[in-house]
Structures are given as C-alpha cells and as structure tokens.
C-alpha cells in the first residue's frame, strides 16, 4: 500500500484471486440457505436480462426475477451453485412470500439498490 499513499493500486486489486462473500439465512417454511455474492459480470448479466435484444422491457425476465436471483446466489457449503437455470420454473412454483424473502436476502447481500439508497440519503 505504500506505493499508493494508502490507496488501493491496480496491482493490489488484480493481483489476488477474486473474493466471494457468503452469508447464511434461514427462511421459515423453506430452510437454511447459504448465499454468495455476485461478481460484477454476474450482476450486470442478471440486470441485463430485464431488457431484450430490441432494447425493450423483457416481461419474462421480470416475472422470473426473484427465482433467477435465488438460482444465481444460493450455494452449497463448498460454494457450488445449488440451482441451475432449469430450476427457475420450479422455484416460481413455491410460495411467493417465501421466495421473495429469500430473493430479498440475496439482493441485500449482493448490494442491489445500495446506489439508489445512497443517492436518496444524500439529499
């Protein structure tokens, strides 16, 4: 850190392996889950699905947003994804309140909405 006067440098940022953050959450009615953070590419890809190739709103992506996020974030004890894209329709068949609660835990852990909250709170 001495090279950058205490600030992070390019070498510091890219010189070590990527870090994942994990948390555990228990959802009554569903069970206990381990949630991983998303890297920027994964998060951007998730967000990009809301717009189709023509630049229009993707209704299907909006309908499956909670289930898709749960499928991306839930992992086992070794950090391997528990669900695949094929599981999204099955997740959508579960109780909506429970899936919403799990998806909200994923959003919070991955930092969705933090920018908007920071802007609102800066006024």
Protein backbone atom coordinates (compact mmCIF):
# COMPACT_ATOMS: atom_id res chain seq x y z
CA UNK A 1 0.00 0.00 0.00
CA UNK A 2 2.93 2.37 0.43
CA UNK A 3 3.19 2.92 -3.35
CA UNK A 4 -0.31 4.38 -3.49
CA UNK A 5 -0.11 6.50 -0.33
CA UNK A 6 -2.50 4.11 1.36
CA UNK A 7 -4.86 3.84 -1.59
CA UNK A 8 -5.53 0.59 -3.39
CA UNK A 9 -3.46 0.08 -6.51
CA UNK A 10 -4.18 -1.77 -9.72
CA UNK A 11 -1.69 -4.46 -8.69
CA UNK A 12 -3.38 -4.89 -5.33
CA UNK A 13 -6.81 -5.14 -6.90
CA UNK A 14 -5.96 -7.59 -9.69
CA UNK A 15 -3.01 -9.37 -8.05
CA UNK A 16 -5.04 -11.59 -5.75
CA UNK A 17 -7.78 -14.11 -6.52
CA UNK A 18 -11.35 -12.79 -6.64
CA UNK A 19 -13.12 -12.82 -3.30
CA UNK A 20 -16.65 -14.10 -2.74
CA UNK A 21 -18.61 -13.09 0.33
CA UNK A 22 -21.05 -15.54 1.88
CA UNK A 23 -23.86 -15.31 4.40
CA UNK A 24 -26.42 -17.71 5.77
CA UNK A 25 -30.12 -17.03 6.01
CA UNK A 26 -32.95 -19.12 7.42
CA UNK A 27 -36.36 -18.78 5.80
CA UNK A 28 -39.22 -20.27 7.83
CA UNK A 29 -41.02 -22.71 5.57
CA UNK A 30 -38.06 -23.18 3.19
CA UNK A 31 -34.98 -23.86 5.30
CA UNK A 32 -31.45 -22.56 5.75
CA UNK A 33 -29.54 -21.22 2.74
CA UNK A 34 -26.01 -20.09 2.02
CA UNK A 35 -25.89 -17.04 -0.23
CA UNK A 36 -22.86 -15.95 -2.24
CA UNK A 37 -22.09 -12.51 -3.55
CA UNK A 38 -22.14 -11.97 -7.30
CA UNK A 39 -19.22 -10.60 -9.24
CA UNK A 40 -19.88 -7.53 -11.36
CA UNK A 41 -20.24 -9.56 -14.57
CA UNK A 42 -22.87 -11.84 -12.98
CA UNK A 43 -24.80 -8.93 -11.50
CA UNK A 44 -24.73 -6.99 -14.77
CA UNK A 45 -25.87 -10.09 -16.68
CA UNK A 46 -28.76 -10.54 -14.28
CA UNK A 47 -29.77 -6.90 -14.70
CA UNK A 48 -29.36 -7.02 -18.49
CA UNK A 49 -31.95 -9.78 -18.78
CA UNK A 50 -34.61 -7.16 -18.00
CA UNK A 51 -34.08 -5.72 -21.49
CA UNK A 52 -34.46 -7.83 -24.62
CA UNK A 53 -32.27 -7.63 -27.75
CA UNK A 54 -34.55 -4.96 -29.22
CA UNK A 55 -33.99 -2.74 -26.18
CA UNK A 56 -37.50 -3.33 -24.87
CA UNK A 57 -38.66 -4.45 -21.46
CA UNK A 58 -38.40 -8.22 -21.06
CA UNK A 59 -41.60 -9.25 -19.30
CA UNK A 60 -40.46 -12.87 -18.86
CA UNK A 61 -37.29 -11.73 -17.04
CA UNK A 62 -39.36 -9.54 -14.73
CA UNK A 63 -41.73 -12.38 -13.93
CA UNK A 64 -38.84 -14.69 -13.07
CA UNK A 65 -36.59 -12.10 -11.38
CA UNK A 66 -36.83 -13.49 -7.83
CA UNK A 67 -36.34 -17.10 -8.89
CA UNK A 68 -33.43 -16.22 -11.20
CA UNK A 69 -31.65 -14.33 -8.42
CA UNK A 70 -32.17 -17.17 -5.95
CA UNK A 71 -30.77 -19.60 -8.52
CA UNK A 72 -27.68 -17.41 -9.02
CA UNK A 73 -26.94 -16.80 -5.35
CA UNK A 74 -27.73 -19.98 -3.40
CA UNK A 75 -24.72 -22.26 -2.98
CA UNK A 76 -23.72 -25.34 -1.01
CA UNK A 77 -21.03 -25.49 1.67
CA UNK A 78 -18.31 -25.63 -0.99
CA UNK A 79 -19.60 -22.57 -2.84
CA UNK A 80 -21.14 -24.52 -5.74
CA UNK A 81 -24.49 -23.33 -7.04
CA UNK A 82 -27.41 -25.36 -5.71
CA UNK A 83 -29.81 -24.42 -8.50
CA UNK A 84 -29.49 -24.14 -12.28
CA UNK A 85 -31.45 -22.11 -14.80
CA UNK A 86 -33.61 -25.21 -15.28
CA UNK A 87 -34.77 -24.85 -11.66
CA UNK A 88 -36.15 -21.33 -12.13
CA UNK A 89 -39.66 -22.50 -13.16
CA UNK A 90 -39.71 -24.86 -10.16
CA UNK A 91 -38.68 -22.04 -7.81
CA UNK A 92 -41.51 -19.95 -9.25
CA UNK A 93 -43.99 -22.59 -8.13
CA UNK A 94 -43.01 -22.19 -4.46
CA UNK A 95 -44.82 -19.84 -2.07
CA UNK A 96 -44.23 -16.32 -3.38
CA UNK A 97 -43.74 -14.78 0.05
CA UNK A 98 -41.02 -17.25 0.93
CA UNK A 99 -39.23 -16.90 -2.41
CA UNK A 100 -39.50 -13.10 -2.10
CA UNK A 101 -37.93 -13.24 1.38
CA UNK A 102 -35.02 -15.34 0.09
CA UNK A 103 -34.59 -13.13 -3.00
CA UNK A 104 -34.59 -10.03 -0.78
CA UNK A 105 -31.79 -11.57 1.31
CA UNK A 106 -29.88 -12.18 -1.94
CA UNK A 107 -30.46 -8.59 -3.11
CA UNK A 108 -29.26 -7.18 0.19
CA UNK A 109 -26.16 -9.40 0.29
CA UNK A 110 -25.24 -8.58 -3.32
CA UNK A 111 -25.73 -4.83 -2.93
CA UNK A 112 -28.75 -4.36 -5.18
CA UNK A 113 -30.36 -0.99 -4.52
CA UNK A 114 -27.50 0.40 -2.43
CA UNK A 115 -26.68 3.07 -5.02
CA UNK A 116 -30.25 4.30 -5.14
CA UNK A 117 -30.45 4.34 -1.33
CA UNK A 118 -27.18 6.30 -1.09
CA UNK A 119 -28.45 8.91 -3.57
CA UNK A 120 -31.76 9.25 -1.69
CA UNK A 121 -29.95 9.65 1.63
CA UNK A 122 -27.51 12.25 0.29
CA UNK A 123 -30.18 14.93 -0.14
